[in-house]
Protein backbone atom coordinates (compact mmCIF):
# COMPACT_ATOMS: atom_id res chain seq x y z
CA UNK A 1 8.39 6.76 -21.40
CA UNK A 2 6.31 8.44 -18.39
CA UNK A 3 7.86 7.49 -15.13
CA UNK A 4 7.78 8.24 -11.22
CA UNK A 5 11.12 8.74 -9.69
CA UNK A 6 11.40 8.66 -5.69
CA UNK A 7 14.30 9.45 -3.67
CA UNK A 8 14.22 8.73 0.23
CA UNK A 9 16.51 11.73 1.77
CA UNK A 10 15.35 10.16 5.43
CA UNK A 11 13.84 6.69 6.29
CA UNK A 12 15.56 5.05 3.57
CA UNK A 13 16.38 1.90 5.09
CA UNK A 14 16.48 3.24 8.40
CA UNK A 15 13.91 4.63 10.99
CA UNK A 16 13.64 8.13 12.46
CA UNK A 17 13.58 11.34 10.45
CA UNK A 18 11.52 11.46 7.28
CA UNK A 19 11.94 12.94 4.15
CA UNK A 20 10.79 11.54 0.56
CA UNK A 21 11.03 13.21 -2.86
CA UNK A 22 8.77 12.32 -5.52
CA UNK A 23 8.30 13.13 -9.03
CA UNK A 24 5.47 12.34 -10.79
CA UNK A 25 4.42 13.62 -14.52
CA UNK A 26 6.74 16.89 -14.31
CA UNK A 27 5.38 17.59 -10.61
CA UNK A 28 7.81 17.56 -7.63
CA UNK A 29 6.02 16.69 -4.05
CA UNK A 30 8.26 16.19 -0.83
CA UNK A 31 6.33 13.98 1.72
CA UNK A 32 7.57 14.95 5.11
CA UNK A 33 10.27 17.31 5.85
CA UNK A 34 12.98 15.40 8.47
CA UNK A 35 10.79 15.05 11.97
CA UNK A 36 8.19 12.03 12.10
CA UNK A 37 5.51 10.85 9.82
CA UNK A 38 2.11 11.47 10.55
CA UNK A 39 1.24 14.78 12.28
CA UNK A 40 -0.47 16.51 9.58
CA UNK A 41 -3.14 18.48 12.32
CA UNK A 42 -1.94 22.12 11.68
CA UNK A 43 -3.17 22.34 15.52
CA UNK A 44 -0.74 19.79 17.14
CA UNK A 45 2.52 20.76 14.52
CA UNK A 46 3.56 23.34 16.33
CA UNK A 47 3.68 22.44 19.49
CA UNK A 48 5.74 19.22 18.40
CA UNK A 49 8.09 21.70 16.37
CA UNK A 50 8.75 24.03 19.51
CA UNK A 51 9.39 21.03 21.61
CA UNK A 52 11.63 19.63 19.29
CA UNK A 53 13.09 22.81 18.98
CA UNK A 54 13.42 23.39 22.67
CA UNK A 55 15.41 20.14 23.21
CA UNK A 56 17.91 20.82 20.48
CA UNK A 57 18.44 24.33 21.28
CA UNK A 58 17.81 25.01 24.92
CA UNK A 59 19.16 22.02 26.38
CA UNK A 60 21.70 20.35 23.68
CA UNK A 61 22.94 24.23 22.82
CA UNK A 62 22.56 23.64 18.97
CA UNK A 63 23.29 26.81 17.42
CA UNK A 64 22.00 26.39 13.86
CA UNK A 65 18.81 25.33 14.27
CA UNK A 66 15.04 27.05 13.29
CA UNK A 67 13.55 29.57 15.50
CA UNK A 68 10.12 30.04 17.02
CA UNK A 69 9.33 32.81 14.69
CA UNK A 70 10.52 30.50 11.93
CA UNK A 71 7.74 28.09 13.21
CA UNK A 72 5.13 30.81 13.33
CA UNK A 73 5.86 31.81 9.66
CA UNK A 74 5.84 28.57 8.40
CA UNK A 75 2.43 27.32 10.03
CA UNK A 76 0.65 30.70 8.27
CA UNK A 77 1.34 28.43 4.79
CA UNK A 78 -0.21 25.35 6.02
CA UNK A 79 -3.61 24.18 4.50
CA UNK A 80 -5.40 21.93 6.84
CA UNK A 81 -6.96 18.80 4.63
CA UNK A 82 -10.08 17.29 5.99
CA UNK A 83 -10.72 13.30 5.73
CA UNK A 84 -11.23 12.33 2.15
CA UNK A 85 -11.43 15.60 0.75
CA UNK A 86 -9.93 15.86 -2.50
CA UNK A 87 -7.49 19.55 -2.81
CA UNK A 88 -6.74 20.64 -6.61
CA UNK A 89 -3.48 22.30 -5.63
CA UNK A 90 -3.24 23.55 -9.27
CA UNK A 91 -5.12 22.77 -12.48
CA UNK A 92 -3.29 19.05 -12.64
CA UNK A 93 -2.24 17.98 -9.25
CA UNK A 94 -4.57 16.74 -6.49
CA UNK A 95 -4.10 15.32 -3.05
CA UNK A 96 -6.77 12.92 -0.97
CA UNK A 97 -6.36 12.52 2.53
CA UNK A 98 -7.35 9.19 4.23
CA UNK A 99 -7.41 8.20 8.26
CA UNK A 100 -3.81 6.44 9.21
CA UNK A 101 -5.13 5.64 13.11
CA UNK A 102 -1.65 5.87 14.39
CA UNK A 103 -2.04 9.16 16.42
CA UNK A 104 -4.35 12.41 16.11
CA UNK A 105 -4.68 13.62 13.26
CA UNK A 106 -2.33 11.08 11.18
CA UNK A 107 -3.17 10.73 7.61
CA UNK A 108 -2.54 8.86 4.42
CA UNK A 109 -2.11 11.06 1.22
CA UNK A 110 -2.72 10.16 -2.45
CA UNK A 111 -1.16 12.30 -4.79
CA UNK A 112 -2.47 12.11 -8.57
CA UNK A 113 -1.49 13.73 -11.60
CA UNK A 114 -3.36 12.75 -14.27
CA UNK A 115 -4.18 9.11 -14.32
CA UNK A 116 -1.17 8.83 -12.41
CA UNK A 117 -0.99 8.27 -8.74
CA UNK A 118 1.22 7.63 -5.86
CA UNK A 119 -0.25 6.96 -1.70
CA UNK A 120 2.03 7.54 0.70
CA UNK A 121 1.14 6.18 4.06
CA UNK A 122 3.15 8.00 6.59
CA UNK A 123 2.91 6.08 10.06
CA UNK A 124 -0.05 4.13 10.49
CA UNK A 125 -1.75 1.64 12.49
CA UNK A 126 -4.17 -1.08 10.95
CA UNK A 127 -5.46 -2.03 14.72
CA UNK A 128 -7.64 -0.39 16.40
CA UNK A 129 -7.25 1.04 20.03
CA UNK A 130 -8.59 2.66 22.74
CA UNK A 131 -8.84 5.92 21.63
CA UNK A 132 -8.69 5.62 17.61
CA UNK A 133 -9.64 3.06 14.50
CA UNK A 134 -7.90 1.66 12.27
CA UNK A 135 -6.45 3.12 8.97
CA UNK A 136 -8.57 2.63 6.21
CA UNK A 137 -7.96 3.38 2.28
CA UNK A 138 -10.10 2.26 -0.87
CA UNK A 139 -9.11 0.14 -3.43
CA UNK A 140 -7.59 2.88 -5.56
CA UNK A 141 -5.08 1.04 -7.25
CA UNK A 142 -2.23 3.78 -7.12
CA UNK A 143 0.92 3.06 -9.76
CA UNK A 144 2.81 3.15 -6.43
CA UNK A 145 2.06 2.69 -2.41
CA UNK A 146 4.61 3.94 -0.60
CA UNK A 147 4.84 2.69 3.15
CA UNK A 148 6.42 2.45 6.59
CA UNK A 149 7.96 -0.85 7.48
CA UNK A 150 9.16 0.21 11.16
CA UNK A 151 7.56 -3.49 12.20
CA UNK A 152 8.34 -5.01 8.96
CA UNK A 153 8.84 -8.61 10.59
CA UNK A 154 6.82 -8.52 13.95
CA UNK A 155 3.17 -10.14 13.92
CA UNK A 156 2.21 -8.88 17.14
CA UNK A 157 0.63 -10.94 19.92
CA UNK A 158 -2.91 -10.46 21.53
CA UNK A 159 -3.15 -6.52 22.38
CA UNK A 160 -5.42 -7.63 25.21
CA UNK A 161 -2.75 -10.10 26.62
CA UNK A 162 -0.40 -7.07 26.42
CA UNK A 163 -2.44 -4.91 28.36
CA UNK A 164 -2.59 -7.55 30.97
CA UNK A 165 1.11 -7.94 31.44
CA UNK A 166 1.74 -4.07 31.30
CA UNK A 167 -1.15 -3.83 34.36
CA UNK A 168 0.06 -6.75 36.43
CA UNK A 169 4.06 -5.60 35.96
CA UNK A 170 3.23 -1.59 36.83
CA UNK A 171 0.96 -2.70 39.92
CA UNK A 172 3.28 -5.38 41.47
CA UNK A 173 6.41 -2.40 41.06
CA UNK A 174 4.07 0.14 42.62
CA UNK A 175 2.80 -2.42 45.47
CA UNK A 176 6.56 -3.20 46.76
CA UNK A 177 7.25 0.81 47.07
CA UNK A 178 9.02 1.32 43.99
CA UNK A 179 8.73 3.77 41.09
CA UNK A 180 8.00 3.40 37.43
CA UNK A 181 8.63 5.47 34.28
CA UNK A 182 7.29 4.98 30.98
CA UNK A 183 8.96 6.84 28.27
CA UNK A 184 6.78 8.04 25.70
CA UNK A 185 5.91 10.22 22.68
CA UNK A 186 3.46 13.00 23.17
CA UNK A 187 0.89 11.58 20.65
CA UNK A 188 -0.75 8.17 20.62
CA UNK A 189 1.05 5.58 22.98
CA UNK A 190 0.94 8.28 25.94
CA UNK A 191 -2.91 9.02 25.66
CA UNK A 192 -3.81 5.07 24.99
CA UNK A 193 -1.60 3.86 28.29
CA UNK A 194 -3.49 6.92 30.22
CA UNK A 195 -6.78 5.56 29.31
CA UNK A 196 -5.61 2.38 30.35
CA UNK A 197 -4.04 3.15 33.72
CA UNK A 198 -6.82 5.57 34.47
CA UNK A 199 -9.37 2.76 34.31
CA UNK A 200 -7.37 0.22 36.10
CA UNK A 201 -6.65 3.00 39.14
CA UNK A 202 -10.26 3.26 39.02
CA UNK A 203 -10.99 -0.51 39.34
CA UNK A 204 -8.50 -1.37 41.66
CA UNK A 205 -9.18 1.68 43.97
CA UNK A 206 -5.40 2.51 43.74
CA UNK A 207 -3.61 5.36 45.33
CA UNK A 208 -0.09 5.76 44.15
CA UNK A 209 0.06 8.94 42.39
CA UNK A 210 0.28 9.02 38.38
CA UNK A 211 2.27 11.76 36.68
CA UNK A 212 2.60 12.89 33.04
CA UNK A 213 5.09 15.15 31.64
CA UNK A 214 3.72 19.12 31.74
CA UNK A 215 3.52 21.18 28.78
CA UNK A 216 3.55 19.16 25.59
CA UNK A 217 1.24 16.32 26.45
CA UNK A 218 -0.97 18.10 28.25
CA UNK A 219 -1.47 20.51 25.45
CA UNK A 220 -1.95 17.35 22.95
CA UNK A 221 -4.38 16.34 25.35
CA UNK A 222 -6.16 19.43 24.79
CA UNK A 223 -6.69 18.86 21.29
CA UNK A 224 -7.59 15.60 22.26
CA UNK A 225 -10.39 17.02 23.82
CA UNK A 226 -11.51 19.26 20.67
CA UNK A 227 -10.97 17.06 18.15
CA UNK A 228 -12.76 14.49 19.61
CA UNK A 229 -14.51 13.18 16.20
CA UNK A 230 -11.07 11.80 15.15
CA UNK A 231 -11.16 9.24 17.67
CA UNK A 232 -13.17 5.92 17.84
CA UNK A 233 -16.79 5.38 18.33
CA UNK A 234 -16.47 3.85 22.12
CA UNK A 235 -14.88 7.48 22.91
CA UNK A 236 -17.32 9.56 21.05
CA UNK A 237 -20.23 7.70 22.81
CA UNK A 238 -18.76 8.09 25.98
CA UNK A 239 -18.29 11.86 25.34
CA UNK A 240 -21.75 12.45 26.08
CA UNK A 241 -20.99 11.58 29.86
CA UNK A 242 -17.52 12.54 29.98
CA UNK A 243 -14.44 13.22 28.40
CA UNK A 244 -12.23 10.36 28.71
CA UNK A 245 -9.29 12.75 28.24
CA UNK A 246 -10.34 14.34 31.95
CA UNK A 247 -7.99 12.09 33.81
CA UNK A 248 -9.32 12.09 37.58
CA UNK A 249 -6.02 9.86 38.86
CA UNK A 250 -3.58 11.30 36.54
CA UNK A 251 -1.77 14.50 37.71
CA UNK A 252 0.51 16.96 35.71
CA UNK A 253 4.30 15.88 36.67
CA UNK A 254 6.64 18.40 38.47
CA UNK A 255 10.43 17.92 38.35
CA UNK A 256 10.73 17.82 42.50
CA UNK A 257 8.02 15.18 41.85
CA UNK A 258 11.16 12.69 40.91
CA UNK A 259 12.61 12.97 44.31
CA UNK A 260 9.44 12.30 46.19
CA UNK A 261 9.63 8.73 48.34
CA UNK A 262 7.09 5.98 47.70
CA UNK A 263 5.37 4.46 44.76
CA UNK A 264 4.73 6.54 41.55
CA UNK A 265 4.32 5.93 38.04
CA UNK A 266 5.45 8.51 35.48
CA UNK A 267 4.64 9.35 31.74
CA UNK A 268 7.71 11.35 30.46
CA UNK A 269 8.80 12.49 26.61
CA UNK A 270 10.93 11.52 24.65
CA UNK A 271 9.85 8.15 23.99
CA UNK A 272 13.34 6.76 23.36
CA UNK A 273 15.40 8.44 26.65
CA UNK A 274 17.73 10.07 24.30
CA UNK A 275 17.09 13.30 25.88
CA UNK A 276 14.36 15.75 27.85
CA UNK A 277 12.65 14.81 30.83
CA UNK A 278 12.16 11.41 30.45
CA UNK A 279 16.34 10.93 30.25
CA UNK A 280 16.53 12.85 33.33
CA UNK A 281 13.98 10.82 35.53
CA UNK A 282 15.84 7.44 34.36
CA UNK A 283 19.36 8.44 35.57
CA UNK A 284 17.71 9.50 39.00
CA UNK A 285 15.66 6.44 39.37
CA UNK A 286 17.99 3.74 37.61
CA UNK A 287 20.37 2.84 40.38
CA UNK A 288 17.13 1.03 42.49
CA UNK A 289 16.08 -2.52 41.82
CA UNK A 290 12.95 -1.80 43.15
CA UNK A 291 12.31 0.67 40.01
CA UNK A 292 10.97 -0.37 36.79
CA UNK A 293 11.04 1.43 33.30
CA UNK A 294 8.99 -0.08 30.56
CA UNK A 295 9.54 0.97 26.96
CA UNK A 296 6.08 0.63 25.13
CA UNK A 297 7.79 1.39 21.40
CA UNK A 298 10.28 1.27 19.10
CA UNK A 299 13.96 2.59 20.26
CA UNK A 300 16.10 3.64 17.83
CA UNK A 301 19.62 2.66 17.52
CA UNK A 302 22.04 4.51 19.25
CA UNK A 303 19.62 5.81 22.01
CA UNK A 304 19.99 4.67 25.76
CA UNK A 305 16.17 3.11 25.27
CA UNK A 306 17.77 1.07 22.82
CA UNK A 307 20.93 0.31 24.65
CA UNK A 308 18.95 -0.73 28.17
CA UNK A 309 16.73 -3.04 25.85
CA UNK A 310 19.91 -4.64 24.21
CA UNK A 311 20.91 -5.37 27.77
CA UNK A 312 23.56 -3.14 28.51
CA UNK A 313 23.21 -2.17 32.09
CA UNK A 314 26.73 0.34 32.64
CA UNK A 315 25.98 3.57 30.56
CA UNK A 316 28.46 6.46 29.68
CA UNK A 317 26.84 9.69 30.06
CA UNK A 318 27.57 13.16 29.50
CA UNK A 319 31.30 14.04 31.34
CA UNK A 320 32.26 10.61 30.90
CA UNK A 321 29.87 9.43 33.86
CA UNK A 322 29.26 5.73 34.05
CA UNK A 323 25.48 5.11 35.12
CA UNK A 324 24.66 1.85 36.53
CA UNK A 325 21.11 0.37 35.60
CA UNK A 326 19.75 -1.97 38.40
CA UNK A 327 16.25 -1.05 37.91
CA UNK A 328 13.99 -3.55 35.81
CA UNK A 329 13.90 -3.08 32.02
CA UNK A 330 11.04 -4.15 30.17
CA UNK A 331 10.12 -4.00 26.67
CA UNK A 332 6.38 -4.07 25.81
CA UNK A 333 4.95 -3.08 22.04
CA UNK A 334 1.86 -0.27 22.58
CA UNK A 335 3.53 1.00 19.08
CA UNK A 336 0.80 2.50 17.06
CA UNK A 337 2.52 1.49 13.63
CA UNK A 338 1.32 -1.54 11.52
CA UNK A 339 3.10 -4.98 11.92
CA UNK A 340 3.76 -6.71 9.18
CA UNK A 341 0.05 -8.54 8.91
CA UNK A 342 -0.68 -4.90 8.98
CA UNK A 343 1.20 -4.02 5.87
CA UNK A 344 -0.01 -6.90 3.98
CA UNK A 345 -3.45 -5.97 4.78
CA UNK A 346 -3.31 -2.49 3.33
CA UNK A 347 -1.47 -3.42 0.13
CA UNK A 348 -4.12 -6.10 -0.55
CA UNK A 349 -6.53 -2.85 0.56
CA UNK A 350 -5.09 -0.50 -2.10
CA UNK A 351 -3.84 -2.92 -4.83
CA UNK A 352 -1.14 -0.74 -5.78
CA UNK A 353 0.64 -1.84 -9.16
CA UNK A 354 4.15 -1.41 -6.81
CA UNK A 355 5.65 -0.74 -3.11
CA UNK A 356 7.89 1.05 -2.24
CA UNK A 357 9.42 0.53 2.02
CA UNK A 358 10.34 3.35 3.85
CA UNK A 359 11.23 3.95 7.69
CA UNK A 360 12.36 0.42 8.62
CA UNK A 361 15.56 -1.30 8.90
CA UNK A 362 17.09 -3.20 5.62
CA UNK A 363 17.16 -6.48 7.01
CA UNK A 364 13.30 -6.40 8.28
CA UNK A 365 12.64 -4.80 4.69
CA UNK A 366 14.28 -7.39 2.69
CA UNK A 367 11.98 -10.36 4.36
CA UNK A 368 8.74 -8.52 3.84
CA UNK A 369 9.93 -7.07 0.44
CA UNK A 370 9.75 -10.72 -0.63
CA UNK A 371 6.54 -11.03 1.29
CA UNK A 372 4.85 -8.97 -0.62
CA UNK A 373 6.19 -9.89 -4.08
CA UNK A 374 5.70 -13.37 -3.40
CA UNK A 375 1.81 -12.77 -1.96
CA UNK A 376 0.65 -9.91 -4.48
CA UNK A 377 2.93 -10.53 -7.31
CA UNK A 378 4.06 -6.77 -7.60
CA UNK A 379 7.54 -5.62 -7.78
CA UNK A 380 8.63 -4.07 -4.52
CA UNK A 381 11.50 -1.83 -4.03
CA UNK A 382 13.42 -0.48 -0.91
CA UNK A 383 15.66 2.37 -1.73
CA UNK A 384 18.38 3.85 0.83
CA UNK A 385 18.88 7.33 1.45
CA UNK A 386 19.72 9.35 -1.80
CA UNK A 387 18.98 6.28 -3.70
CA UNK A 388 16.37 7.15 -6.68
CA UNK A 389 14.16 4.16 -7.93
CA UNK A 390 12.76 4.93 -11.48
CA UNK A 391 9.28 3.22 -11.95
CA UNK A 392 7.90 3.35 -15.46
CA UNK A 393 3.91 4.24 -15.78
CA UNK A 394 1.77 3.05 -18.44
CA UNK A 395 -0.69 6.20 -18.86
CA UNK A 396 -4.35 4.78 -19.26
CA UNK A 397 -5.80 6.26 -22.39
CA UNK A 398 -9.76 6.96 -22.39
CA UNK A 399 -11.58 5.56 -25.52
CA UNK A 400 -15.37 6.50 -26.02
CA UNK A 401 -17.10 3.22 -27.32
CA UNK A 402 -19.99 3.53 -29.78
CA UNK A 403 -23.44 2.64 -28.75
CA UNK A 404 -24.26 0.10 -31.69
CA UNK A 405 -21.01 -2.05 -30.86
CA UNK A 406 -22.45 -1.63 -26.95
CA UNK A 407 -25.79 -3.15 -28.17
CA UNK A 408 -24.28 -5.76 -30.55
CA UNK A 409 -22.59 -7.06 -27.18
CA UNK A 410 -25.30 -6.74 -25.20
CA UNK A 411 -27.16 -8.96 -27.90
CA UNK A 412 -25.40 -11.72 -26.77
CA UNK A 413 -26.43 -12.03 -23.75
CA UNK A 414 -23.31 -10.91 -21.94
CA UNK A 415 -24.26 -8.36 -18.97
CA UNK A 416 -20.89 -6.19 -18.24
CA UNK A 417 -18.95 -7.18 -15.29
CA UNK A 418 -16.68 -4.75 -13.13
CA UNK A 419 -14.61 -7.82 -11.85
CA UNK A 420 -14.34 -9.89 -15.13
CA UNK A 421 -12.82 -7.52 -17.86
CA UNK A 422 -14.38 -8.69 -21.32
CA UNK A 423 -12.71 -8.03 -24.88
CA UNK A 424 -14.58 -6.21 -26.83
CA UNK A 425 -13.58 -6.35 -30.86
CA UNK A 426 -13.95 -3.26 -32.87
CA UNK A 427 -11.96 -0.89 -34.93
CA UNK A 428 -10.41 2.24 -33.20
CA UNK A 429 -10.54 5.44 -34.56
CA UNK A 430 -8.55 8.52 -33.62
CA UNK A 431 -10.33 11.51 -34.42
CA UNK A 432 -9.66 15.03 -33.15
CA UNK A 433 -7.25 13.88 -30.12
CA UNK A 434 -9.83 11.21 -29.03
CA UNK A 435 -10.13 7.68 -29.58
CA UNK A 436 -13.43 5.83 -29.90
CA UNK A 437 -13.77 1.99 -30.40
CA UNK A 438 -16.73 1.35 -33.55
CA UNK A 439 -17.82 -1.63 -35.25
CA UNK A 440 -16.16 -2.45 -38.58
CA UNK A 441 -18.99 -1.54 -40.73
CA UNK A 442 -18.87 1.48 -38.95
CA UNK A 443 -15.57 2.73 -39.37
CA UNK A 444 -15.85 1.94 -43.45
CA UNK A 445 -18.97 3.86 -43.20
CA UNK A 446 -17.66 7.01 -41.67
CA UNK A 447 -14.42 7.09 -43.40
CA UNK A 448 -15.63 6.11 -46.96
CA UNK A 449 -13.60 3.15 -47.36
CA UNK A 450 -14.43 -0.32 -49.06
CA UNK A 451 -13.81 -3.75 -47.11
CA UNK A 452 -10.86 -5.52 -48.39
CA UNK A 453 -10.66 -9.24 -46.80
CA UNK A 454 -7.87 -10.59 -45.42
CA UNK A 455 -7.39 -14.47 -45.84
CA UNK A 456 -4.55 -16.74 -44.39
CA UNK A 457 -3.59 -20.01 -46.92
CA UNK A 458 -2.04 -23.12 -45.53
CA UNK A 459 -0.77 -25.85 -47.50
CA UNK A 460 -1.35 -29.52 -47.05
CA UNK A 461 0.62 -32.25 -48.80
CA UNK A 462 -0.93 -35.25 -49.27
CA UNK A 463 0.84 -38.48 -51.63
CA UNK A 464 -2.06 -39.33 -54.24
CA UNK A 465 -1.64 -40.27 -58.04
CA UNK A 466 -5.32 -39.45 -58.47
CA UNK A 467 -6.01 -36.05 -60.55
CA UNK A 468 -6.98 -33.14 -58.61
CA UNK A 469 -10.81 -33.49 -59.30
CA UNK A 470 -11.03 -36.71 -57.93
CA UNK A 471 -9.03 -35.61 -54.77
CA UNK A 472 -11.48 -33.07 -54.35
CA UNK A 473 -14.01 -35.40 -54.23
CA UNK A 474 -12.56 -37.31 -51.82
CA UNK A 475 -11.86 -33.99 -49.59
CA UNK A 476 -15.24 -33.52 -49.66
CA UNK A 477 -16.79 -36.58 -49.17
CA UNK A 478 -14.72 -37.08 -46.11
CA UNK A 479 -15.27 -33.77 -45.05
CA UNK A 480 -19.26 -33.91 -45.49
CA UNK A 481 -19.02 -37.60 -43.08
CA UNK A 482 -16.84 -35.71 -40.34
CA UNK A 483 -18.34 -32.22 -40.19
CA UNK A 484 -22.36 -32.73 -39.41
CA UNK A 485 -23.04 -29.61 -37.90
CA UNK A 486 -21.29 -27.52 -40.74
CA UNK A 487 -22.50 -26.67 -44.74
CA UNK A 488 -19.86 -28.64 -46.65
CA UNK A 489 -20.11 -27.57 -50.18
CA UNK A 490 -18.93 -29.40 -53.45
CA UNK A 491 -18.49 -26.34 -56.09
CA UNK A 492 -18.83 -26.57 -59.87
CA UNK A 493 -15.20 -25.42 -60.28
CA UNK A 494 -13.90 -28.42 -58.01
CA UNK A 495 -13.16 -26.29 -54.90
CA UNK A 496 -14.77 -27.54 -51.71
CA UNK A 497 -16.10 -24.56 -49.09
CA UNK A 498 -16.61 -25.26 -45.20
CA UNK A 499 -18.34 -21.99 -44.03
CA UNK A 500 -16.43 -19.19 -45.25
CA UNK A 501 -13.43 -21.91 -45.58
CA UNK A 502 -12.13 -22.47 -48.99
CA UNK A 503 -10.30 -25.88 -50.09
CA UNK A 504 -8.56 -26.36 -53.65
CA UNK A 505 -6.91 -29.20 -54.60
CA UNK A 506 -3.38 -28.52 -56.92
CA UNK A 507 -0.52 -30.96 -58.62
CA UNK A 508 2.73 -30.77 -57.35
CA UNK A 509 4.81 -28.99 -59.29
CA UNK A 510 8.10 -31.49 -59.06
CA UNK A 511 6.08 -34.79 -57.78
CA UNK A 512 3.27 -35.70 -59.59
CA UNK A 513 2.34 -38.63 -56.81
CA UNK A 514 1.75 -35.84 -54.52
CA UNK A 515 -1.47 -33.30 -54.18
CA UNK A 516 -1.24 -29.93 -52.51
CA UNK A 517 -4.19 -28.76 -50.68
CA UNK A 518 -4.15 -24.87 -50.46
CA UNK A 519 -6.78 -24.39 -47.14
CA UNK A 520 -7.79 -20.55 -47.20
CA UNK A 521 -9.84 -18.62 -44.14
CA UNK A 522 -10.47 -15.28 -42.83
CA UNK A 523 -9.46 -14.37 -39.30
CA UNK A 524 -12.84 -14.66 -37.61
CA UNK A 525 -12.79 -18.58 -38.66
CA UNK A 526 -9.02 -18.87 -37.35
CA UNK A 527 -10.37 -21.73 -35.24
CA UNK A 528 -12.05 -23.92 -37.74
CA UNK A 529 -9.31 -23.04 -40.37
CA UNK A 530 -7.02 -24.57 -38.08
CA UNK A 531 -9.17 -27.69 -37.36
CA UNK A 532 -9.51 -28.43 -40.92
CA UNK A 533 -5.83 -28.28 -41.39
CA UNK A 534 -4.65 -30.52 -38.76
CA UNK A 535 -7.63 -32.95 -39.60
CA UNK A 536 -6.43 -32.99 -43.80
CA UNK A 537 -2.55 -33.54 -42.50
CA UNK A 538 -3.58 -36.73 -40.95
CA UNK A 539 -4.62 -37.73 -44.67
CA UNK A 540 -8.37 -39.00 -46.16
CA UNK A 541 -9.50 -42.67 -45.68
CA UNK A 542 -8.66 -45.34 -48.29
CA UNK A 543 -11.18 -45.65 -50.89
CA UNK A 544 -13.09 -48.51 -51.45
CA UNK A 545 -11.99 -50.84 -53.99
CA UNK A 546 -13.31 -50.47 -57.60
CA UNK A 547 -14.14 -47.12 -56.30
CA UNK A 548 -12.71 -44.31 -58.57
């Protein structure tokens, strides 16, 4: 039995590193490899890998880690894929990329081997924003859809309300002389919120400086300018007059600026306050109640971001130092992940046979799993890391249909409709490993066979002391009066026919007062045969007195 096997090595009932192993039709495919989903463009990938290496090696002092040279060697093997381009990996395996929204370069992938296919979403966003469009996929009906479920139980409120609230809080903080820290990842939210603040600063003529981390985000913005075609329609239209990623009010941040007096807004990486520049700035500003930190996205358990959002105000830092958090802490979801509504929307678009949830918390996944199973009537799985899900697949077998059979169907006046599958009756012929559906007459002719007729016979017992010939005559009279639209005949041998149905009366072997009616029909007249049987079981009308 053909099957698809899926094993999450990362992102199984958790959020963070993702790595999914898929075995499909004898091919082994690894989706993602331990960092972050969605960054598929080869231009941005090395920047992210190098930044990750710097945090792990240079700042945390990890010894057993990949080197800059390894990144360069790895990137030589990368093949860039265009959206909606189908890439033939080998004779059997092909992949196709779909637009995922989320961040620049994010793509969903369909993996197909023969008639079996899997769609892997990576991170995606079904809501268009200021700089990217919404994710989209056609009705590809894969055997399995593997989808992220970071916000499995969340249905976000209006984006405009969130943006208004965000701008109000930033504005109030800088007006009272406070500093605002916005921890972000280099791609996606950084650009989205930069455009939002840039427009607001211009409109309100504000003077407080806005900075973003140098290096990573700066380089990423450079690629946003280059790959302007990946962005949404509005940004592309504006691009004729100016590039939306050329910021007038937002400047590159220098580490020394953190000690400057007066108000400022700083975008700093990484987004969960677990390391790097965002954590350094947070430690400097945390003790002042005038300041504010706005967490614009999801924070994994164990990070400083998760701790302060959970209400912790005394944090144990390195060297057992305790940091007291007096600054205001706000959470506003500007995450580029799909919410519950978006995930359901994508399942509806793709129409998969089964769904598998990854990159989410177990309790939230359970809620979404039930919702998907109820609404779409498909199986939904949520394996933990290291757990394998095995899905049996039913391979589709192509069958050719003879022209004669199609013409016969069309003659009935029924036009083909892709949305309403129709039943075709015919004979399945296999020749040279190919299947064809032909009419039974054509099959007999091609194979040189004579037709055998198969008849079904049912026995009806009736209490009647008369002879068989009289009994048959009474049956004929009764059916003639009831079945006015059918051809009912009484044959010389005493049997009665209704169309192709044959009715014969016989004596009961043990009871002379009981007669047996033998009703037989071919499968074409099964409906009429069943009706006649039930009609005769009700008995015959009483013969008029004095009659034979």
